[in-house]
Amino acid sequence: MHAGMSYKLGEFLFWTRRNILWLLILGIVPTALYQVFGFTCLAVPFTIIGLIGTATVFIITFRNQETYNRAWEARQIWGAIISASRSWVIMCRDFLDDADKSHDLIYRHLAWLTALRYQLRTSRNWETADKVYNKEYKRNYSIPETEIPFEKELKKYISQAELNLISTANNRATQLMGLQSKALKKLRHEGHLDEFRFLDMHGALRDFSDHQGRSERIKNFPYPRQYVTINGLFVKLFCILLPFGLLEEFDNLNAKTTGFMQGYMVWLVIPFSVLISWVFTSLEQVGESTENPFEGSANDVPISQMSRTVETDIREMLGEDVLPSPFPTPKNIIL
């Protein structure tokens, strides 16, 4: 997540510079053929381009709205996880008279948070973080889950025996939730929890499991590929045809122009077609970057920092003095 005032224009131009290059080529070729070699038959009625552009605007708007909704839902889920985590600590601390058993439940929950964020950072085939322009921009920041080994991180919270137990599981966060449920059952059996407190805490586990499932749904179900495909096709078709639609429009301006530009107005097709097309391709790229809110891009929901923040809050509530440091935020990118 970018936490500054805005991306700098230079950053945005660098991120989209490959689009600008091929749009420039698309503008130069038909303009040169029309103006230099006299291929006036290349001109396409602008009405056709306008109709295609209108359809393209609708499909881009739809996609960007839906991808924003995915990102916002992910942020709401993790906001709920953070709030519920604080409540969980209060219950563990105040419902149990045994500080050690309370500590185990709380730290196992921190392990669950850690396992969940590591799972959500794993890549999927449809994600775009490995596209060239995204990989280049990733040099500006670091992703904690790719730099810190999973086992090393989990050793802070659970025993080696529990770590060995979950290390081979496909869904380690779910296994940790299962261990948490077993621990509550044992506490109830030993008489450390009465029936009402046991049910209250077990209800909290159900909420955490629900939040995990909602996060996994966003992670494992991509934005529908048919919409991605048609969006890309419409944008490319519009960008290819736009210079052909502008040729005659700018050529007609020669009759109204005097001075050194008279007879050369067609050359303005190049900068204006690039500018208009760049707006469309940039909107498509922005929508694409918002599509997968857990993939490790600069526009992700900052689940790493959110986990670190709630861990700090939890350990302060436990009266600990040594607290974890926030993850660094170079270029105002928070992950």
C-alpha atoms as a PDB file:
ATOM      1  CA  MET A   1       0.000   0.000   0.000  1.00  0.00           C
ATOM      2  CA  HIS A   2       1.316   3.414  -0.923  1.00  0.00           C
ATOM      3  CA  ALA A   3       1.066   5.606   2.185  1.00  0.00           C
ATOM      4  CA  GLY A   4       2.396   8.858   0.729  1.00  0.00           C
ATOM      5  CA  MET A   5       0.482  11.746  -0.802  1.00  0.00           C
ATOM      6  CA  SER A   6       0.652  10.129  -4.260  1.00  0.00           C
ATOM      7  CA  TYR A   7       2.896   8.331  -6.677  1.00  0.00           C
ATOM      8  CA  LYS A   8       5.335  10.691  -8.333  1.00  0.00           C
ATOM      9  CA  LEU A   9       4.802  11.348 -12.029  1.00  0.00           C
ATOM     10  CA  GLY A  10       8.275   9.990 -12.747  1.00  0.00           C
ATOM     11  CA  GLU A  11       7.452   6.720 -10.950  1.00  0.00           C
ATOM     12  CA  PHE A  12       4.225   6.352 -12.895  1.00  0.00           C
ATOM     13  CA  LEU A  13       5.880   7.110 -16.214  1.00  0.00           C
ATOM     14  CA  PHE A  14       8.648   4.617 -15.434  1.00  0.00           C
ATOM     15  CA  TRP A  15       6.044   1.980 -14.541  1.00  0.00           C
ATOM     16  CA  THR A  16       4.134   2.547 -17.820  1.00  0.00           C
ATOM     17  CA  ARG A  17       7.055   3.385 -20.099  1.00  0.00           C
ATOM     18  CA  ARG A  18       6.746   0.162 -22.123  1.00  0.00           C
ATOM     19  CA  ASN A  19       3.183   1.089 -23.016  1.00  0.00           C
ATOM     20  CA  ILE A  20       4.345   4.545 -24.070  1.00  0.00           C
ATOM     21  CA  LEU A  21       6.977   3.018 -26.360  1.00  0.00           C
ATOM     22  CA  TRP A  22       4.638   0.743 -28.288  1.00  0.00           C
ATOM     23  CA  LEU A  23       1.962   3.458 -28.411  1.00  0.00           C
ATOM     24  CA  LEU A  24       4.556   5.771 -29.954  1.00  0.00           C
ATOM     25  CA  ILE A  25       5.281   3.187 -32.650  1.00  0.00           C
ATOM     26  CA  LEU A  26       1.546   2.758 -33.271  1.00  0.00           C
ATOM     27  CA  GLY A  27       1.268   6.507 -33.787  1.00  0.00           C
ATOM     28  CA  ILE A  28       4.328   6.977 -35.991  1.00  0.00           C
ATOM     29  CA  VAL A  29       3.703   4.200 -38.545  1.00  0.00           C
ATOM     30  CA  PRO A  30       0.246   5.215 -39.877  1.00  0.00           C
ATOM     31  CA  THR A  31       1.067   8.922 -39.663  1.00  0.00           C
ATOM     32  CA  ALA A  32       4.235   8.511 -41.720  1.00  0.00           C
ATOM     33  CA  LEU A  33       2.430   6.332 -44.284  1.00  0.00           C
ATOM     34  CA  TYR A  34      -0.348   8.910 -44.584  1.00  0.00           C
ATOM     35  CA  GLN A  35       1.762  12.078 -44.659  1.00  0.00           C
ATOM     36  CA  VAL A  36       4.970  10.969 -46.379  1.00  0.00           C
ATOM     37  CA  PHE A  37       3.857   8.201 -48.707  1.00  0.00           C
ATOM     38  CA  GLY A  38       0.344   9.451 -49.417  1.00  0.00           C
ATOM     39  CA  PHE A  39      -1.621   6.417 -48.171  1.00  0.00           C
ATOM     40  CA  THR A  40      -4.756   8.471 -47.528  1.00  0.00           C
ATOM     41  CA  CYS A  41      -6.850   5.306 -47.675  1.00  0.00           C
ATOM     42  CA  LEU A  42      -5.594   4.504 -44.183  1.00  0.00           C
ATOM     43  CA  ALA A  43      -7.926   7.071 -42.636  1.00  0.00           C
ATOM     44  CA  VAL A  44     -10.785   5.511 -40.666  1.00  0.00           C
ATOM     45  CA  PRO A  45     -13.987   7.442 -39.807  1.00  0.00           C
ATOM     46  CA  PHE A  46     -13.619   8.761 -36.293  1.00  0.00           C
ATOM     47  CA  THR A  47     -17.194   7.752 -35.449  1.00  0.00           C
ATOM     48  CA  ILE A  48     -16.113   4.096 -35.499  1.00  0.00           C
ATOM     49  CA  ILE A  49     -13.236   4.829 -33.144  1.00  0.00           C
ATOM     50  CA  GLY A  50     -15.592   6.746 -30.865  1.00  0.00           C
ATOM     51  CA  LEU A  51     -17.958   3.787 -30.585  1.00  0.00           C
ATOM     52  CA  ILE A  52     -15.113   1.397 -29.777  1.00  0.00           C
ATOM     53  CA  GLY A  53     -13.715   3.905 -27.272  1.00  0.00           C
ATOM     54  CA  THR A  54     -17.083   4.174 -25.538  1.00  0.00           C
ATOM     55  CA  ALA A  55     -17.316   0.382 -25.154  1.00  0.00           C
ATOM     56  CA  THR A  56     -13.733   0.318 -23.893  1.00  0.00           C
ATOM     57  CA  VAL A  57     -14.458   2.968 -21.266  1.00  0.00           C
ATOM     58  CA  PHE A  58     -17.393   0.940 -19.959  1.00  0.00           C
ATOM     59  CA  ILE A  59     -15.410  -2.298 -19.657  1.00  0.00           C
ATOM     60  CA  ILE A  60     -12.418  -0.550 -18.025  1.00  0.00           C
ATOM     61  CA  THR A  61     -14.692   1.215 -15.539  1.00  0.00           C
ATOM     62  CA  PHE A  62     -16.419  -2.058 -14.669  1.00  0.00           C
ATOM     63  CA  ARG A  63     -13.125  -3.868 -14.134  1.00  0.00           C
ATOM     64  CA  ASN A  64     -11.545  -1.125 -12.047  1.00  0.00           C
ATOM     65  CA  GLN A  65     -14.624  -0.889  -9.850  1.00  0.00           C
ATOM     66  CA  GLU A  66     -14.680  -4.629  -9.272  1.00  0.00           C
ATOM     67  CA  THR A  67     -10.941  -4.893  -8.589  1.00  0.00           C
ATOM     68  CA  TYR A  68     -11.211  -2.012  -6.126  1.00  0.00           C
ATOM     69  CA  ASN A  69     -14.053  -3.871  -4.416  1.00  0.00           C
ATOM     70  CA  ARG A  70     -11.790  -6.929  -4.074  1.00  0.00           C
ATOM     71  CA  ALA A  71      -9.061  -4.817  -2.478  1.00  0.00           C
ATOM     72  CA  TRP A  72     -11.487  -3.056  -0.163  1.00  0.00           C
ATOM     73  CA  GLU A  73     -13.081  -6.331   0.926  1.00  0.00           C
ATOM     74  CA  ALA A  74      -9.603  -7.691   1.694  1.00  0.00           C
ATOM     75  CA  ARG A  75      -8.898  -4.600   3.789  1.00  0.00           C
ATOM     76  CA  GLN A  76     -12.171  -5.042   5.683  1.00  0.00           C
ATOM     77  CA  ILE A  77     -11.396  -8.699   6.378  1.00  0.00           C
ATOM     78  CA  TRP A  78      -8.004  -7.873   7.810  1.00  0.00           C
ATOM     79  CA  GLY A  79      -9.394  -4.979   9.783  1.00  0.00           C
ATOM     80  CA  ALA A  80     -11.816  -7.460  11.359  1.00  0.00           C
ATOM     81  CA  ILE A  81      -8.941  -9.892  12.051  1.00  0.00           C
ATOM     82  CA  ILE A  82      -6.983  -7.162  13.847  1.00  0.00           C
ATOM     83  CA  SER A  83      -9.955  -6.132  15.992  1.00  0.00           C
ATOM     84  CA  ALA A  84     -10.851  -9.737  16.816  1.00  0.00           C
ATOM     85  CA  SER A  85      -7.207 -10.469  17.716  1.00  0.00           C
ATOM     86  CA  ARG A  86      -7.232  -7.778  20.391  1.00  0.00           C
ATOM     87  CA  SER A  87     -10.466  -9.211  21.788  1.00  0.00           C
ATOM     88  CA  TRP A  88      -8.940 -12.685  21.775  1.00  0.00           C
ATOM     89  CA  VAL A  89      -6.020 -11.497  23.904  1.00  0.00           C
ATOM     90  CA  ILE A  90      -8.359  -9.910  26.424  1.00  0.00           C
ATOM     91  CA  MET A  91     -10.329 -13.154  26.715  1.00  0.00           C
ATOM     92  CA  CYS A  92      -7.193 -15.284  27.056  1.00  0.00           C
ATOM     93  CA  ARG A  93      -5.719 -12.984  29.669  1.00  0.00           C
ATOM     94  CA  ASP A  94      -8.830 -12.445  31.759  1.00  0.00           C
ATOM     95  CA  PHE A  95     -10.682 -15.776  31.398  1.00  0.00           C
ATOM     96  CA  LEU A  96      -7.701 -17.886  32.486  1.00  0.00           C
ATOM     97  CA  ASP A  97      -5.951 -17.713  35.845  1.00  0.00           C
ATOM     98  CA  ASP A  98      -2.906 -19.601  34.539  1.00  0.00           C
ATOM     99  CA  ALA A  99      -0.560 -17.081  32.862  1.00  0.00           C
ATOM    100  CA  ASP A 100       1.415 -19.774  31.040  1.00  0.00           C
ATOM    101  CA  LYS A 101      -1.646 -21.318  29.429  1.00  0.00           C
ATOM    102  CA  SER A 102      -2.909 -17.853  28.507  1.00  0.00           C
ATOM    103  CA  HIS A 103       0.494 -17.064  26.987  1.00  0.00           C
ATOM    104  CA  ASP A 104       0.407 -20.257  24.883  1.00  0.00           C
ATOM    105  CA  LEU A 105      -3.018 -19.425  23.443  1.00  0.00           C
ATOM    106  CA  ILE A 106      -1.997 -15.865  22.623  1.00  0.00           C
ATOM    107  CA  TYR A 107       1.297 -16.790  21.010  1.00  0.00           C
ATOM    108  CA  ARG A 108      -0.322 -19.599  19.027  1.00  0.00           C
ATOM    109  CA  HIS A 109      -2.692 -16.991  17.695  1.00  0.00           C
ATOM    110  CA  LEU A 110       0.286 -14.855  16.609  1.00  0.00           C
ATOM    111  CA  ALA A 111       1.609 -17.961  14.856  1.00  0.00           C
ATOM    112  CA  TRP A 112      -1.736 -18.316  13.077  1.00  0.00           C
ATOM    113  CA  LEU A 113      -1.567 -14.696  11.919  1.00  0.00           C
ATOM    114  CA  THR A 114       1.949 -15.282  10.631  1.00  0.00           C
ATOM    115  CA  ALA A 115       1.081 -18.528   8.856  1.00  0.00           C
ATOM    116  CA  LEU A 116      -1.933 -16.904   7.215  1.00  0.00           C
ATOM    117  CA  ARG A 117      -0.001 -13.958   5.821  1.00  0.00           C
ATOM    118  CA  TYR A 118       2.724 -16.278   4.490  1.00  0.00           C
ATOM    119  CA  GLN A 119       0.074 -18.376   2.742  1.00  0.00           C
ATOM    120  CA  LEU A 120      -1.545 -15.313   1.220  1.00  0.00           C
ATOM    121  CA  ARG A 121       1.802 -14.115  -0.172  1.00  0.00           C
ATOM    122  CA  THR A 122       2.397 -17.310  -2.171  1.00  0.00           C
ATOM    123  CA  SER A 123       2.040 -16.744  -5.911  1.00  0.00           C
ATOM    124  CA  ARG A 124      -0.776 -17.902  -8.178  1.00  0.00           C
ATOM    125  CA  ASN A 125      -0.697 -18.403 -11.963  1.00  0.00           C
ATOM    126  CA  TRP A 126      -3.029 -15.485 -12.644  1.00  0.00           C
ATOM    127  CA  GLU A 127      -1.230 -12.949 -10.480  1.00  0.00           C
ATOM    128  CA  THR A 128       0.749 -10.158 -12.110  1.00  0.00           C
ATOM    129  CA  ALA A 129       3.490  -9.413  -9.581  1.00  0.00           C
ATOM    130  CA  ASP A 130       6.039 -11.159 -11.821  1.00  0.00           C
ATOM    131  CA  LYS A 131       5.291  -9.093 -14.909  1.00  0.00           C
ATOM    132  CA  VAL A 132       8.343  -7.139 -16.015  1.00  0.00           C
ATOM    133  CA  TYR A 133       7.112  -3.670 -15.060  1.00  0.00           C
ATOM    134  CA  ASN A 134       5.959  -4.883 -11.636  1.00  0.00           C
ATOM    135  CA  LYS A 135       9.189  -6.755 -10.938  1.00  0.00           C
ATOM    136  CA  GLU A 136      11.137  -3.609 -11.777  1.00  0.00           C
ATOM    137  CA  TYR A 137       9.102  -1.532  -9.353  1.00  0.00           C
ATOM    138  CA  LYS A 138       9.462  -4.182  -6.623  1.00  0.00           C
ATOM    139  CA  ARG A 139      13.115  -3.171  -6.401  1.00  0.00           C
ATOM    140  CA  ASN A 140      11.886  -0.122  -4.462  1.00  0.00           C
ATOM    141  CA  TYR A 141      10.626  -2.187  -1.507  1.00  0.00           C
ATOM    142  CA  SER A 142      10.931  -5.579   0.134  1.00  0.00           C
ATOM    143  CA  ILE A 143       8.361  -8.258   0.976  1.00  0.00           C
ATOM    144  CA  PRO A 144       8.923  -9.667   4.505  1.00  0.00           C
ATOM    145  CA  GLU A 145       7.451 -13.065   3.641  1.00  0.00           C
ATOM    146  CA  THR A 146      10.016 -13.603   0.874  1.00  0.00           C
ATOM    147  CA  GLU A 147      12.984 -12.389   2.931  1.00  0.00           C
ATOM    148  CA  ILE A 148      12.332 -14.075   6.293  1.00  0.00           C
ATOM    149  CA  PRO A 149      12.012 -17.916   6.286  1.00  0.00           C
ATOM    150  CA  PHE A 150       8.666 -19.170   7.506  1.00  0.00           C
ATOM    151  CA  GLU A 151      10.100 -21.558  10.107  1.00  0.00           C
ATOM    152  CA  LYS A 152      12.340 -18.867  11.558  1.00  0.00           C
ATOM    153  CA  GLU A 153       9.375 -16.559  12.007  1.00  0.00           C
ATOM    154  CA  LEU A 154       7.125 -19.201  13.592  1.00  0.00           C
ATOM    155  CA  LYS A 155       9.768 -20.310  16.103  1.00  0.00           C
ATOM    156  CA  LYS A 156       9.071 -17.056  17.945  1.00  0.00           C
ATOM    157  CA  TYR A 157       5.544 -18.164  18.804  1.00  0.00           C
ATOM    158  CA  ILE A 158       5.197 -21.949  19.081  1.00  0.00           C
ATOM    159  CA  SER A 159       7.234 -24.905  20.258  1.00  0.00           C
ATOM    160  CA  GLN A 160       9.412 -26.966  17.944  1.00  0.00           C
ATOM    161  CA  ALA A 161       7.040 -29.896  18.406  1.00  0.00           C
ATOM    162  CA  GLU A 162       4.065 -27.901  17.126  1.00  0.00           C
ATOM    163  CA  LEU A 163       6.173 -26.447  14.320  1.00  0.00           C
ATOM    164  CA  ASN A 164       7.132 -29.954  13.196  1.00  0.00           C
ATOM    165  CA  LEU A 165       3.501 -30.989  13.378  1.00  0.00           C
ATOM    166  CA  ILE A 166       2.268 -28.303  10.990  1.00  0.00           C
ATOM    167  CA  SER A 167       5.338 -27.895   8.748  1.00  0.00           C
ATOM    168  CA  THR A 168       4.242 -30.538   6.219  1.00  0.00           C
ATOM    169  CA  ALA A 169       0.585 -29.463   6.097  1.00  0.00           C
ATOM    170  CA  ASN A 170      -0.872 -27.890   2.962  1.00  0.00           C
ATOM    171  CA  ASN A 171      -2.757 -25.301   4.997  1.00  0.00           C
ATOM    172  CA  ARG A 172      -0.638 -24.537   8.039  1.00  0.00           C
ATOM    173  CA  ALA A 173      -2.886 -21.753   9.298  1.00  0.00           C
ATOM    174  CA  THR A 174      -5.801 -24.181   9.467  1.00  0.00           C
ATOM    175  CA  GLN A 175      -3.680 -26.717  11.358  1.00  0.00           C
ATOM    176  CA  LEU A 176      -2.755 -24.040  13.892  1.00  0.00           C
ATOM    177  CA  MET A 177      -6.427 -23.242  14.311  1.00  0.00           C
ATOM    178  CA  GLY A 178      -7.019 -26.937  14.956  1.00  0.00           C
ATOM    179  CA  LEU A 179      -4.298 -26.976  17.624  1.00  0.00           C
ATOM    180  CA  GLN A 180      -5.909 -23.928  19.198  1.00  0.00           C
ATOM    181  CA  SER A 181      -9.264 -25.675  19.320  1.00  0.00           C
ATOM    182  CA  LYS A 182      -7.695 -28.770  20.929  1.00  0.00           C
ATOM    183  CA  ALA A 183      -6.007 -26.563  23.527  1.00  0.00           C
ATOM    184  CA  LEU A 184      -9.357 -24.948  24.436  1.00  0.00           C
ATOM    185  CA  LYS A 185     -10.984 -28.370  24.722  1.00  0.00           C
ATOM    186  CA  LYS A 186      -8.218 -29.502  27.046  1.00  0.00           C
ATOM    187  CA  LEU A 187      -8.572 -26.382  29.200  1.00  0.00           C
ATOM    188  CA  ARG A 188     -12.320 -26.987  29.450  1.00  0.00           C
ATOM    189  CA  HIS A 189     -11.759 -30.640  30.383  1.00  0.00           C
ATOM    190  CA  GLU A 190      -9.235 -29.686  33.072  1.00  0.00           C
ATOM    191  CA  GLY A 191     -11.654 -27.149  34.555  1.00  0.00           C
ATOM    192  CA  HIS A 192      -9.736 -23.988  33.674  1.00  0.00           C
ATOM    193  CA  LEU A 193     -12.702 -22.698  31.649  1.00  0.00           C
ATOM    194  CA  ASP A 194     -16.380 -22.843  32.498  1.00  0.00           C
ATOM    195  CA  GLU A 195     -18.940 -23.682  29.835  1.00  0.00           C
ATOM    196  CA  PHE A 196     -19.867 -20.098  28.940  1.00  0.00           C
ATOM    197  CA  ARG A 197     -16.279 -18.890  28.620  1.00  0.00           C
ATOM    198  CA  PHE A 198     -15.359 -21.956  26.596  1.00  0.00           C
ATOM    199  CA  LEU A 199     -18.225 -21.298  24.166  1.00  0.00           C
ATOM    200  CA  ASP A 200     -17.279 -17.614  23.951  1.00  0.00           C
ATOM    201  CA  MET A 201     -13.676 -18.397  23.075  1.00  0.00           C
ATOM    202  CA  HIS A 202     -14.659 -21.169  20.674  1.00  0.00           C
ATOM    203  CA  GLY A 203     -16.942 -18.684  18.955  1.00  0.00           C
ATOM    204  CA  ALA A 204     -13.914 -16.405  18.499  1.00  0.00           C
ATOM    205  CA  LEU A 205     -12.079 -19.284  16.799  1.00  0.00           C
ATOM    206  CA  ARG A 206     -15.012 -19.727  14.423  1.00  0.00           C
ATOM    207  CA  ASP A 207     -14.766 -16.025  13.565  1.00  0.00           C
ATOM    208  CA  PHE A 208     -11.044 -16.334  12.857  1.00  0.00           C
ATOM    209  CA  SER A 209     -11.689 -19.368  10.676  1.00  0.00           C
ATOM    210  CA  ASP A 210     -14.343 -17.407   8.788  1.00  0.00           C
ATOM    211  CA  HIS A 211     -11.959 -14.488   8.236  1.00  0.00           C
ATOM    212  CA  GLN A 212      -9.335 -16.911   6.973  1.00  0.00           C
ATOM    213  CA  GLY A 213     -11.820 -18.464   4.556  1.00  0.00           C
ATOM    214  CA  ARG A 214     -12.826 -15.069   3.201  1.00  0.00           C
ATOM    215  CA  SER A 215      -9.172 -14.141   2.686  1.00  0.00           C
ATOM    216  CA  GLU A 216      -8.522 -17.436   0.907  1.00  0.00           C
ATOM    217  CA  ARG A 217     -11.534 -16.900  -1.338  1.00  0.00           C
ATOM    218  CA  ILE A 218     -10.071 -13.626  -2.613  1.00  0.00           C
ATOM    219  CA  LYS A 219      -6.613 -15.187  -2.915  1.00  0.00           C
ATOM    220  CA  ASN A 220      -7.657 -18.388  -4.652  1.00  0.00           C
ATOM    221  CA  PHE A 221     -10.480 -17.122  -6.885  1.00  0.00           C
ATOM    222  CA  PRO A 222      -9.153 -14.732  -9.551  1.00  0.00           C
ATOM    223  CA  TYR A 223     -11.001 -11.855 -11.111  1.00  0.00           C
ATOM    224  CA  PRO A 224     -12.890 -13.700 -13.923  1.00  0.00           C
ATOM    225  CA  ARG A 225     -10.540 -14.336 -16.816  1.00  0.00           C
ATOM    226  CA  GLN A 226     -13.194 -13.610 -19.459  1.00  0.00           C
ATOM    227  CA  TYR A 227     -13.443 -10.018 -18.249  1.00  0.00           C
ATOM    228  CA  VAL A 228      -9.654  -9.676 -18.119  1.00  0.00           C
ATOM    229  CA  THR A 229      -9.390 -11.004 -21.677  1.00  0.00           C
ATOM    230  CA  ILE A 230     -12.066  -8.806 -23.197  1.00  0.00           C
ATOM    231  CA  ASN A 231     -10.754  -5.774 -21.335  1.00  0.00           C
ATOM    232  CA  GLY A 232      -7.262  -6.288 -22.777  1.00  0.00           C
ATOM    233  CA  LEU A 233      -8.616  -6.920 -26.287  1.00  0.00           C
ATOM    234  CA  PHE A 234     -10.787  -3.796 -26.267  1.00  0.00           C
ATOM    235  CA  VAL A 235      -7.960  -1.576 -25.031  1.00  0.00           C
ATOM    236  CA  LYS A 236      -5.491  -2.917 -27.612  1.00  0.00           C
ATOM    237  CA  LEU A 237      -8.039  -2.632 -30.425  1.00  0.00           C
ATOM    238  CA  PHE A 238      -8.816   0.966 -29.492  1.00  0.00           C
ATOM    239  CA  CYS A 239      -5.132   1.920 -29.234  1.00  0.00           C
ATOM    240  CA  ILE A 240      -4.341   0.356 -32.616  1.00  0.00           C
ATOM    241  CA  LEU A 241      -7.236   2.041 -34.434  1.00  0.00           C
ATOM    242  CA  LEU A 242      -7.055   5.448 -32.759  1.00  0.00           C
ATOM    243  CA  PRO A 243      -4.217   6.911 -34.915  1.00  0.00           C
ATOM    244  CA  PHE A 244      -6.084   5.860 -38.073  1.00  0.00           C
ATOM    245  CA  GLY A 245      -9.186   7.675 -36.849  1.00  0.00           C
ATOM    246  CA  LEU A 246      -7.268  10.873 -36.096  1.00  0.00           C
ATOM    247  CA  LEU A 247      -5.491  11.131 -39.468  1.00  0.00           C
ATOM    248  CA  GLU A 248      -8.300  12.775 -41.415  1.00  0.00           C
ATOM    249  CA  GLU A 249      -9.390  14.876 -38.430  1.00  0.00           C
ATOM    250  CA  PHE A 250      -5.963  16.509 -38.117  1.00  0.00           C
ATOM    251  CA  ASP A 251      -5.529  16.689 -41.909  1.00  0.00           C
ATOM    252  CA  ASN A 252      -8.691  18.790 -42.089  1.00  0.00           C
ATOM    253  CA  LEU A 253      -7.122  21.261 -39.670  1.00  0.00           C
ATOM    254  CA  ASN A 254      -4.609  22.253 -42.355  1.00  0.00           C
ATOM    255  CA  ALA A 255      -7.320  24.333 -44.058  1.00  0.00           C
ATOM    256  CA  LYS A 256      -7.746  26.397 -40.874  1.00  0.00           C
ATOM    257  CA  THR A 257      -4.073  26.652 -39.940  1.00  0.00           C
ATOM    258  CA  THR A 258      -1.544  29.252 -40.998  1.00  0.00           C
ATOM    259  CA  GLY A 259       2.159  29.549 -40.372  1.00  0.00           C
ATOM    260  CA  PHE A 260       4.806  26.872 -40.189  1.00  0.00           C
ATOM    261  CA  MET A 261       2.334  24.140 -39.163  1.00  0.00           C
ATOM    262  CA  GLN A 262       0.193  24.505 -42.275  1.00  0.00           C
ATOM    263  CA  GLY A 263       0.314  21.239 -44.190  1.00  0.00           C
ATOM    264  CA  TYR A 264       1.928  19.415 -41.276  1.00  0.00           C
ATOM    265  CA  MET A 265      -0.944  19.141 -38.807  1.00  0.00           C
ATOM    266  CA  VAL A 266      -1.177  15.401 -39.396  1.00  0.00           C
ATOM    267  CA  TRP A 267       2.056  14.918 -37.441  1.00  0.00           C
ATOM    268  CA  LEU A 268       0.158  15.958 -34.300  1.00  0.00           C
ATOM    269  CA  VAL A 269      -1.623  12.619 -34.529  1.00  0.00           C
ATOM    270  CA  ILE A 270       1.452  11.041 -32.943  1.00  0.00           C
ATOM    271  CA  PRO A 271       1.521  12.914 -29.585  1.00  0.00           C
ATOM    272  CA  PHE A 272      -2.257  13.077 -29.216  1.00  0.00           C
ATOM    273  CA  SER A 273      -2.837   9.414 -30.051  1.00  0.00           C
ATOM    274  CA  VAL A 274      -0.101   8.443 -27.599  1.00  0.00           C
ATOM    275  CA  LEU A 275      -1.611  10.645 -24.881  1.00  0.00           C
ATOM    276  CA  ILE A 276      -5.172   9.378 -25.331  1.00  0.00           C
ATOM    277  CA  SER A 277      -4.122   5.737 -25.615  1.00  0.00           C
ATOM    278  CA  TRP A 278      -1.803   6.076 -22.607  1.00  0.00           C
ATOM    279  CA  VAL A 279      -4.800   7.109 -20.500  1.00  0.00           C
ATOM    280  CA  PHE A 280      -6.598   3.892 -21.464  1.00  0.00           C
ATOM    281  CA  THR A 281      -3.608   1.577 -21.020  1.00  0.00           C
ATOM    282  CA  SER A 282      -2.736   3.194 -17.685  1.00  0.00           C
ATOM    283  CA  LEU A 283      -6.271   2.706 -16.386  1.00  0.00           C
ATOM    284  CA  GLU A 284      -6.059  -0.944 -17.418  1.00  0.00           C
ATOM    285  CA  GLN A 285      -2.698  -1.347 -15.683  1.00  0.00           C
ATOM    286  CA  VAL A 286      -3.959   0.307 -12.502  1.00  0.00           C
ATOM    287  CA  GLY A 287      -6.948  -2.040 -12.445  1.00  0.00           C
ATOM    288  CA  GLU A 288      -4.636  -4.993 -12.943  1.00  0.00           C
ATOM    289  CA  SER A 289      -2.420  -3.895 -10.033  1.00  0.00           C
ATOM    290  CA  THR A 290      -5.458  -3.747  -7.710  1.00  0.00           C
ATOM    291  CA  GLU A 291      -6.845  -7.113  -8.756  1.00  0.00           C
ATOM    292  CA  ASN A 292      -4.906  -9.347  -6.331  1.00  0.00           C
ATOM    293  CA  PRO A 293      -4.619  -7.612  -2.948  1.00  0.00           C
ATOM    294  CA  PHE A 294      -2.293 -10.203  -1.355  1.00  0.00           C
ATOM    295  CA  GLU A 295       0.280 -10.846  -4.108  1.00  0.00           C
ATOM    296  CA  GLY A 296       3.035  -8.565  -2.801  1.00  0.00           C
ATOM    297  CA  SER A 297       2.608  -5.530  -5.057  1.00  0.00           C
ATOM    298  CA  ALA A 298       2.938  -1.893  -4.069  1.00  0.00           C
ATOM    299  CA  ASN A 299      -0.871  -1.616  -3.977  1.00  0.00           C
ATOM    300  CA  ASP A 300      -1.501  -4.608  -1.708  1.00  0.00           C
ATOM    301  CA  VAL A 301      -3.404  -4.637   1.556  1.00  0.00           C
ATOM    302  CA  PRO A 302      -0.527  -4.239   4.076  1.00  0.00           C
ATOM    303  CA  ILE A 303      -1.094  -7.517   5.916  1.00  0.00           C
ATOM    304  CA  SER A 304       2.542  -7.774   7.064  1.00  0.00           C
ATOM    305  CA  GLN A 305       2.531  -4.384   8.757  1.00  0.00           C
ATOM    306  CA  MET A 306      -0.966  -4.936  10.144  1.00  0.00           C
ATOM    307  CA  SER A 307       0.179  -8.208  11.713  1.00  0.00           C
ATOM    308  CA  ARG A 308       3.249  -6.533  13.157  1.00  0.00           C
ATOM    309  CA  THR A 309       1.120  -3.691  14.569  1.00  0.00           C
ATOM    310  CA  VAL A 310      -1.326  -6.006  16.323  1.00  0.00           C
ATOM    311  CA  GLU A 311       1.555  -8.114  17.625  1.00  0.00           C
ATOM    312  CA  THR A 312       3.043  -4.995  19.199  1.00  0.00           C
ATOM    313  CA  ASP A 313      -0.318  -4.143  20.768  1.00  0.00           C
ATOM    314  CA  ILE A 314      -0.723  -7.683  22.093  1.00  0.00           C
ATOM    315  CA  ARG A 315       2.722  -7.877  23.615  1.00  0.00           C
ATOM    316  CA  GLU A 316       2.239  -4.483  25.256  1.00  0.00           C
ATOM    317  CA  MET A 317      -1.008  -5.784  26.764  1.00  0.00           C
ATOM    318  CA  LEU A 318       0.991  -8.697  28.168  1.00  0.00           C
ATOM    319  CA  GLY A 319       3.414  -6.248  29.793  1.00  0.00           C
ATOM    320  CA  GLU A 320       6.411  -7.176  27.618  1.00  0.00           C
ATOM    321  CA  ASP A 321       9.223  -4.657  27.243  1.00  0.00           C
ATOM    322  CA  VAL A 322      10.957  -5.985  24.125  1.00  0.00           C
ATOM    323  CA  LEU A 323       8.650  -5.220  21.218  1.00  0.00           C
ATOM    324  CA  PRO A 324       9.035  -5.972  17.508  1.00  0.00           C
ATOM    325  CA  SER A 325      10.007  -3.115  15.211  1.00  0.00           C
ATOM    326  CA  PRO A 326       7.713  -2.070  12.364  1.00  0.00           C
ATOM    327  CA  PHE A 327       8.707  -3.279   8.932  1.00  0.00           C
ATOM    328  CA  PRO A 328      10.580  -0.623   6.911  1.00  0.00           C
ATOM    329  CA  THR A 329       8.547   1.436   4.430  1.00  0.00           C
ATOM    330  CA  PRO A 330      10.859   2.590   1.614  1.00  0.00           C
ATOM    331  CA  LYS A 331       9.240   4.872  -0.974  1.00  0.00           C
ATOM    332  CA  ASN A 332       6.177   5.010   1.351  1.00  0.00           C
ATOM    333  CA  ILE A 333       5.281   1.426   0.386  1.00  0.00           C
ATOM    334  CA  ILE A 334       3.744  -0.477   3.295  1.00  0.00           C
ATOM    335  CA  LEU A 335       3.364  -4.227   3.052  1.00  0.00           C
END
